Each structure stands twice: as C-alpha cells, then as structure tokens.
Amino acid sequence: MSLENVQAMANSIRDEISKAIIGQADTVDLMLVALFSGGHILLEGVPGTAKTFLAQVFSHVLKMDFGRVQFTPDLMPGDLLGTNLFSFQTNEFSLVKGPIFCDLLLADEINRTPPKTQAALLEAMQERQVTIDGEAFKLGDHFMVIATQNPIEQQGTYPLPEAQLDRFIFKHVLDYPSREEEIEIVRRHGSRTGSPKPADLGVKAVVTKKALEAAVKAVSTVRLTDEVTNYVVDLVRGTRNNPLFETGASPRAAAMISTAARAYAALKSRDFVIPDDVKAIALPALRHRAILSPAAEIEGRTADELILQVIEQTEAPR
C-alpha cells in the first residue's frame, strides 16, 4: 500500500466518524496516529464529551472486534482477563475468556479500579498477550486500548501508576466543543437521551483487517533521519534536565514518539518525518510521562506549560 492510499484511508475514516461525532478532529487524528503506530491512547475529559461514543464509532468504522469494560472499584483481574473453570462433564479446566480478548478494548473510567486490576493491562498493552494461571495467550497483532478517565471526579478513583501511563502513546485532553459545534450536536442528537448505535446514524465500516495491516506496514517505511532522531531524543532528555520535573520522560517515550511521528507524516502523505511532525505530537506524547516536582506544584505550574517550554527551547534541525 502506498502512503497516498494510507492518507485516503484516513480521510475515509474521518468522513465516516463525522457522521456521528461533531468536532473532535484533533482527537480523531491522534487516534489514527495511535492506530497506525500500534499504540494505545488515554482520553481525559469531563462527562458528556463523547469519549465512550467516539471509541465505539471508531471501532465500528474499522470493523474491529470491540470489547468494553466499565472499570469499577470491585472489578477483579479475572473479570478482565478471564478465568479457568472446571467442567464436571469433561473433568477438565477450560478458559472462559474475558473482554480483553478483542481487537479494540475500551477501558472506560480506567482510574476507578484498584491498582491490582489496572496492572492486569500492563502485559496486554506492552506484549499483546495475557498470562492466565501461568499460560500465555496471544491477543491480536493490532490490539489497541482506548482508555477514558474523568479529571474532575476524585472520590473513589485510583490514579494510574507511572508504569501504566508510560504504555500509552498519547494522553489527550478533550475540551468542550465550540458554540457552533454544540448547536449542531443539539440539532443532531437533541431528540434522544441515550447514545444511538453508529449504524443507526449511517456510519459504515470502511477498513478491512487486511487493509489495516497493509497501512501499518506502509507507515513503518517512513524515513526518520539522524537529525530528526537526535531532535526527538533531545526533546525527551529536556524533560529530565528541567528541575521543575521530578521525573522526566523515559527512553520508551522517545521510541514511541519516533513511531508516532512516522504515522503522522504518513497521514500527510509524506515518506519522511520533519521536525514539525514531532512538534505536533510532542505534547500529548509527553504530558503523562513527566512528573512535576513539589516546587512546581506549589508554584501552580502545569505539565503542559512546562513541556511547551521544553519544545520551544529545544533546537529543531533545519
């Protein structure tokens, strides 16, 4: 598949999603970059910003096997992964697979479940497999997690540990729609109280699994020069050298940014990465990896503000 075909595929995906979702173009673009680069994405936004519905529509357009888990304080790892049950008919144990056995998993309100259950996702997100009773089970090659969390509800929540946050290629913060977009939302969806099914809104599947595999393979051929590679590393190291960050981004962050920059360039139908591609994805790729120092928190600084400073101060190649 050529990169022009990858761009055409992305445009057709955007067109179908727009039949159900008003606005959120930046969110859809980051989800596409995560998809083509084999990453996972964390969506943070207040209730009612269509996080869950967007994930459902995204899965429908891609014709992916969709799984959804509503994370709650009493959710156990077995509820997510599955468990071996003994059959008295066969006198054998058989695996009852959990909802994680899918192509795209929606981890809804991921910060409402205890760390023990959150940790059950670590192996799946990194290695695309799960281990149950000592036996490893493969997930799909394009297994993807779209997780959501609510930033304003703190009671009964469990902040995600740094090790898990580091496995998300992006953390994207959804904002409220513009006035014009909100008016269109009310016009289009104001006659119902619940979320409709994507098919009811005329949304169709436009991508096959074979085409997706070809697109991912094409994205991997996008060139990353030594100068741009050095720029990515300098950006990541810049978060470690800033005294207002207690902990900077990891080497995994640099590798993920490089992969995501290739996908971003491919969506622009380019077979090479330019520094602007890296800048476009640097903030959502770093905001959840750099931990503020106590001094920065006392001063009221934010991770976004400091990361934008790092991006501005890091010299980009010409």
Protein backbone atom coordinates (compact mmCIF):
# COMPACT_ATOMS: atom_id res chain seq x y z
CA MET A 1 0.00 0.00 0.00
CA SER A 2 1.29 3.46 -0.88
CA LEU A 3 1.31 6.38 1.54
CA GLU A 4 -1.27 8.12 -0.67
CA ASN A 5 -3.57 5.18 0.00
CA VAL A 6 -2.89 5.48 3.73
CA GLN A 7 -3.92 9.13 3.59
CA ALA A 8 -7.04 8.23 1.58
CA MET A 9 -7.91 5.55 4.15
CA ALA A 10 -7.54 8.07 6.97
CA ASN A 11 -9.77 10.56 5.15
CA SER A 12 -12.50 7.95 4.65
CA ILE A 13 -12.31 7.06 8.36
CA ARG A 14 -12.64 10.73 9.30
CA ASP A 15 -15.62 11.16 6.98
CA GLU A 16 -17.49 8.22 8.49
CA ILE A 17 -16.76 9.29 12.07
CA SER A 18 -18.01 12.80 11.31
CA LYS A 19 -21.45 11.34 10.59
CA ALA A 20 -21.81 10.63 14.31
CA ILE A 21 -19.25 12.85 16.06
CA ILE A 22 -19.36 16.64 15.81
CA GLY A 23 -15.93 18.26 16.04
CA GLN A 24 -13.12 16.45 17.91
CA ALA A 25 -10.99 16.45 14.75
CA ASP A 26 -7.77 16.63 16.79
CA THR A 27 -8.91 13.67 18.88
CA VAL A 28 -9.66 11.57 15.81
CA ASP A 29 -6.28 12.45 14.29
CA LEU A 30 -4.42 11.29 17.41
CA MET A 31 -6.46 8.09 17.48
CA LEU A 32 -5.48 7.46 13.86
CA VAL A 33 -1.80 8.09 14.65
CA ALA A 34 -2.05 5.67 17.59
CA LEU A 35 -3.75 3.08 15.38
CA PHE A 36 -1.18 3.23 12.57
CA SER A 37 1.74 3.26 15.01
CA GLY A 38 0.44 0.35 17.09
CA GLY A 39 -0.10 2.40 20.24
CA HIS A 40 -2.74 2.95 22.91
CA ILE A 41 -4.41 6.24 23.83
CA LEU A 42 -5.79 7.71 27.05
CA LEU A 43 -8.66 10.17 26.65
CA GLU A 44 -9.32 12.55 29.52
CA GLY A 45 -12.36 14.77 29.61
CA VAL A 46 -15.35 15.80 31.65
CA PRO A 47 -18.52 13.70 31.35
CA GLY A 48 -20.55 14.23 28.20
CA THR A 49 -17.70 14.97 25.79
CA ALA A 50 -18.39 11.77 23.77
CA LYS A 51 -15.30 9.83 24.85
CA THR A 52 -17.08 6.48 25.03
CA PHE A 53 -19.23 7.04 21.94
CA LEU A 54 -16.18 8.12 19.93
CA ALA A 55 -14.42 4.86 20.79
CA GLN A 56 -17.50 2.88 19.73
CA VAL A 57 -17.77 4.74 16.41
CA PHE A 58 -14.02 4.38 15.79
CA SER A 59 -14.24 0.61 16.28
CA HIS A 60 -17.32 0.35 14.05
CA VAL A 61 -15.66 2.23 11.18
CA LEU A 62 -12.61 -0.02 11.39
CA LYS A 63 -14.72 -3.18 11.66
CA MET A 64 -12.70 -4.22 14.70
CA ASP A 65 -13.79 -6.74 17.30
CA PHE A 66 -14.88 -4.37 20.07
CA GLY A 67 -14.70 -5.04 23.80
CA ARG A 68 -15.78 -2.73 26.58
CA VAL A 69 -15.02 -2.88 30.29
CA GLN A 70 -16.61 -0.47 32.75
CA PHE A 71 -13.92 -0.14 35.40
CA THR A 72 -15.32 -0.10 38.93
CA PRO A 73 -13.77 -0.36 42.42
CA ASP A 74 -14.84 -4.02 42.74
CA LEU A 75 -13.57 -5.14 39.30
CA MET A 76 -11.11 -8.04 39.61
CA PRO A 77 -8.33 -9.05 37.17
CA GLY A 78 -10.26 -12.23 36.33
CA ASP A 79 -13.23 -10.13 35.25
CA LEU A 80 -10.97 -8.50 32.68
CA LEU A 81 -8.73 -11.35 31.55
CA GLY A 82 -10.93 -14.40 32.06
CA THR A 83 -10.50 -17.48 34.21
CA ASN A 84 -10.14 -21.25 34.02
CA LEU A 85 -13.30 -23.05 35.10
CA PHE A 86 -13.62 -26.77 35.86
CA SER A 87 -16.13 -28.72 33.80
CA PHE A 88 -17.71 -31.71 35.54
CA GLN A 89 -18.76 -33.10 32.15
CA THR A 90 -15.22 -33.33 30.79
CA ASN A 91 -13.28 -33.34 34.09
CA GLU A 92 -11.05 -30.64 32.62
CA PHE A 93 -10.40 -26.95 33.10
CA SER A 94 -11.37 -24.68 30.21
CA LEU A 95 -10.66 -20.99 29.73
CA VAL A 96 -13.58 -18.59 29.76
CA LYS A 97 -12.08 -15.59 28.01
CA GLY A 98 -12.63 -12.11 29.36
CA PRO A 99 -13.47 -8.98 27.38
CA ILE A 100 -9.78 -8.21 26.83
CA PHE A 101 -9.76 -10.81 24.04
CA CYS A 102 -10.69 -8.38 21.27
CA ASP A 103 -9.11 -6.04 18.72
CA LEU A 104 -10.05 -2.77 20.39
CA LEU A 105 -10.70 -2.54 24.12
CA LEU A 106 -12.50 0.42 25.61
CA ALA A 107 -11.28 0.74 29.22
CA ASP A 108 -14.00 3.08 30.43
CA GLU A 109 -13.15 5.18 33.51
CA ILE A 110 -9.89 3.30 33.96
CA ASN A 111 -8.97 5.27 37.08
CA ARG A 112 -11.97 3.94 39.03
CA THR A 113 -10.49 0.47 39.56
CA PRO A 114 -7.78 -0.51 42.09
CA PRO A 115 -4.10 -0.88 41.04
CA LYS A 116 -4.33 -4.68 41.13
CA THR A 117 -6.83 -4.65 38.26
CA GLN A 118 -5.12 -1.77 36.46
CA ALA A 119 -1.91 -3.83 36.45
CA ALA A 120 -3.69 -6.63 34.58
CA LEU A 121 -3.45 -4.42 31.48
CA LEU A 122 0.32 -3.95 31.63
CA GLU A 123 1.31 -7.16 29.85
CA ALA A 124 -1.51 -6.84 27.33
CA MET A 125 -0.56 -3.29 26.37
CA GLN A 126 3.17 -3.96 26.09
CA GLU A 127 3.37 -7.52 24.76
CA ARG A 128 -0.12 -8.05 23.34
CA GLN A 129 -0.61 -11.18 25.37
CA VAL A 130 -2.04 -12.11 28.76
CA THR A 131 -0.95 -14.77 31.22
CA ILE A 132 -3.65 -16.77 33.00
CA ASP A 133 -2.63 -19.44 35.51
CA GLY A 134 0.89 -19.49 34.11
CA GLU A 135 -0.17 -19.91 30.46
CA ALA A 136 0.32 -17.14 27.91
CA PHE A 137 -2.46 -16.31 25.46
CA LYS A 138 -1.84 -14.12 22.43
CA LEU A 139 -4.00 -11.13 21.62
CA GLY A 140 -4.31 -9.67 18.13
CA ASP A 141 -1.29 -8.06 16.47
CA HIS A 142 -3.21 -4.78 16.31
CA PHE A 143 -4.73 -4.99 19.80
CA MET A 144 -5.45 -1.44 20.92
CA VAL A 145 -6.63 0.09 24.19
CA ILE A 146 -8.64 3.29 24.28
CA ALA A 147 -8.94 4.29 27.92
CA THR A 148 -11.05 7.12 29.34
CA GLN A 149 -10.92 8.96 32.62
CA ASN A 150 -12.73 11.84 34.27
CA PRO A 151 -10.42 14.60 35.58
CA ILE A 152 -12.88 16.23 37.96
CA GLU A 153 -14.22 13.25 39.90
CA GLN A 154 -11.71 12.31 42.61
CA GLN A 155 -13.77 10.32 45.11
CA GLY A 156 -13.36 6.59 44.56
CA THR A 157 -10.61 6.95 41.97
CA TYR A 158 -7.13 5.43 41.80
CA PRO A 159 -4.53 7.43 39.85
CA LEU A 160 -2.80 5.38 37.18
CA PRO A 161 0.76 4.37 38.13
CA GLU A 162 3.63 5.79 36.09
CA ALA A 163 4.44 2.36 34.60
CA GLN A 164 0.97 2.14 33.10
CA LEU A 165 0.83 5.73 31.93
CA ASP A 166 4.11 5.14 30.10
CA ARG A 167 2.47 2.45 27.99
CA PHE A 168 0.02 4.93 26.46
CA ILE A 169 1.47 6.57 23.37
CA PHE A 170 -0.76 9.62 23.95
CA LYS A 171 -2.77 11.25 26.69
CA HIS A 172 -5.23 13.55 25.02
CA VAL A 173 -7.35 16.07 26.91
CA LEU A 174 -10.76 16.66 25.32
CA ASP A 175 -12.09 20.19 25.54
CA TYR A 176 -15.66 21.41 25.33
CA PRO A 177 -16.97 21.89 21.77
CA SER A 178 -17.27 25.34 20.27
CA ARG A 179 -20.65 27.10 20.38
CA GLU A 180 -21.35 26.24 16.74
CA GLU A 181 -20.40 22.59 17.28
CA GLU A 182 -22.58 22.37 20.39
CA ILE A 183 -25.54 23.81 18.48
CA GLU A 184 -25.04 21.14 15.79
CA ILE A 185 -24.80 18.44 18.49
CA VAL A 186 -28.16 19.51 19.91
CA ARG A 187 -29.73 19.64 16.44
CA ARG A 188 -28.48 16.20 15.52
CA HIS A 189 -28.83 14.37 18.83
CA GLY A 190 -31.26 16.51 20.82
CA SER A 191 -34.21 14.23 20.11
CA ARG A 192 -32.84 11.33 22.18
CA THR A 193 -31.40 10.86 25.66
CA GLY A 194 -29.21 7.79 25.13
CA SER A 195 -26.38 7.19 22.70
CA PRO A 196 -27.50 5.72 19.38
CA LYS A 197 -25.70 2.88 17.66
CA PRO A 198 -23.21 4.01 15.00
CA ALA A 199 -25.09 2.09 12.31
CA ASP A 200 -28.28 3.99 13.15
CA LEU A 201 -26.50 7.20 12.13
CA GLY A 202 -25.39 5.83 8.78
CA VAL A 203 -21.82 5.07 9.90
CA LYS A 204 -20.29 2.26 7.84
CA ALA A 205 -17.20 0.11 8.15
CA VAL A 206 -14.67 1.32 5.57
CA VAL A 207 -11.50 -0.58 6.55
CA THR A 208 -10.72 -4.28 6.44
CA LYS A 209 -8.20 -6.01 8.68
CA LYS A 210 -6.05 -6.77 5.64
CA ALA A 211 -6.04 -3.12 4.59
CA LEU A 212 -5.14 -2.03 8.11
CA GLU A 213 -2.19 -4.41 8.19
CA ALA A 214 -1.00 -3.02 4.85
CA ALA A 215 -1.32 0.55 6.13
CA VAL A 216 0.69 -0.21 9.28
CA LYS A 217 3.38 -1.83 7.14
CA ALA A 218 3.48 1.22 4.85
CA VAL A 219 3.80 3.58 7.81
CA SER A 220 6.84 1.66 9.08
CA THR A 221 8.71 2.55 5.86
CA VAL A 222 8.55 6.31 6.52
CA ARG A 223 12.11 7.63 6.85
CA LEU A 224 13.43 9.18 10.06
CA THR A 225 16.74 10.95 9.52
CA ASP A 226 19.51 11.05 12.11
CA GLU A 227 18.89 14.76 12.63
CA VAL A 228 15.21 14.22 13.47
CA THR A 229 16.08 11.22 15.65
CA ASN A 230 18.51 13.42 17.61
CA TYR A 231 15.77 16.05 17.94
CA VAL A 232 13.35 13.51 19.41
CA VAL A 233 15.95 12.37 21.95
CA ASP A 234 16.82 15.98 22.86
CA LEU A 235 13.13 16.73 23.49
CA VAL A 236 12.75 13.75 25.79
CA ARG A 237 16.00 14.47 27.61
CA GLY A 238 14.88 18.06 28.01
CA THR A 239 12.15 16.90 30.38
CA ARG A 240 14.79 15.16 32.50
CA ASN A 241 17.07 18.20 32.65
CA ASN A 242 14.33 20.55 33.83
CA PRO A 243 14.48 20.92 37.66
CA LEU A 244 10.71 21.56 37.75
CA PHE A 245 10.16 17.93 36.72
CA GLU A 246 10.76 15.36 39.43
CA THR A 247 10.91 12.62 36.80
CA GLY A 248 11.30 13.12 33.07
CA ALA A 249 10.09 11.01 30.16
CA SER A 250 11.54 7.54 29.66
CA PRO A 251 13.53 6.12 26.72
CA ARG A 252 10.30 4.34 25.76
CA ALA A 253 8.80 7.79 25.19
CA ALA A 254 11.48 8.62 22.60
CA ALA A 255 10.85 5.35 20.76
CA MET A 256 7.08 5.89 20.79
CA ILE A 257 7.37 9.48 19.59
CA SER A 258 9.52 8.32 16.68
CA THR A 259 6.95 5.70 15.71
CA ALA A 260 4.07 8.15 16.07
CA ALA A 261 5.90 10.79 14.02
CA ARG A 262 6.17 8.30 11.16
CA ALA A 263 2.41 7.72 11.32
CA TYR A 264 1.74 11.47 11.47
CA ALA A 265 3.92 12.04 8.40
CA ALA A 266 2.16 9.20 6.57
CA LEU A 267 -1.21 10.86 7.23
CA LYS A 268 0.23 13.87 5.42
CA SER A 269 1.24 11.56 2.54
CA ARG A 270 4.96 12.11 3.19
CA ASP A 271 7.57 9.35 3.21
CA PHE A 272 9.85 11.25 5.60
CA VAL A 273 9.46 12.88 9.02
CA ILE A 274 10.06 16.59 9.53
CA PRO A 275 10.56 18.36 12.90
CA ASP A 276 7.04 19.84 12.70
CA ASP A 277 5.64 16.28 12.81
CA VAL A 278 7.45 15.71 16.09
CA LYS A 279 6.28 19.04 17.49
CA ALA A 280 2.66 18.27 16.58
CA ILE A 281 2.56 15.14 18.73
CA ALA A 282 5.10 16.01 21.46
CA LEU A 283 2.65 17.47 23.99
CA PRO A 284 0.14 14.57 24.08
CA ALA A 285 3.08 12.13 23.99
CA LEU A 286 4.87 13.69 26.97
CA ARG A 287 2.24 15.26 29.27
CA HIS A 288 1.54 11.99 31.12
CA ARG A 289 5.17 10.90 31.38
CA ALA A 290 6.81 13.93 33.02
CA ILE A 291 6.08 14.20 36.76
CA LEU A 292 6.04 17.66 38.31
CA SER A 293 8.32 18.39 41.26
CA PRO A 294 6.76 19.53 44.56
CA ALA A 295 8.20 23.03 43.94
CA ALA A 296 6.44 23.24 40.57
CA GLU A 297 3.14 22.14 42.11
CA ILE A 298 3.47 24.75 44.85
CA GLU A 299 4.07 27.40 42.20
CA GLY A 300 0.92 26.26 40.40
CA ARG A 301 2.78 25.19 37.25
CA THR A 302 1.30 22.55 34.93
CA ALA A 303 2.95 19.75 32.98
CA ASP A 304 1.53 21.11 29.71
CA GLU A 305 3.02 24.54 30.35
CA LEU A 306 6.48 23.18 31.14
CA ILE A 307 6.50 20.71 28.22
CA LEU A 308 5.62 23.51 25.81
CA GLN A 309 8.61 25.40 27.21
CA VAL A 310 10.85 22.38 26.58
CA ILE A 311 9.57 22.15 22.99
CA GLU A 312 10.22 25.86 22.46
CA GLN A 313 13.72 25.74 23.97
CA THR A 314 14.87 22.59 22.12
CA GLU A 315 16.57 23.49 18.86
CA ALA A 316 14.99 21.78 15.87
CA PRO A 317 17.04 20.73 12.85
CA ARG A 318 16.61 22.73 9.67
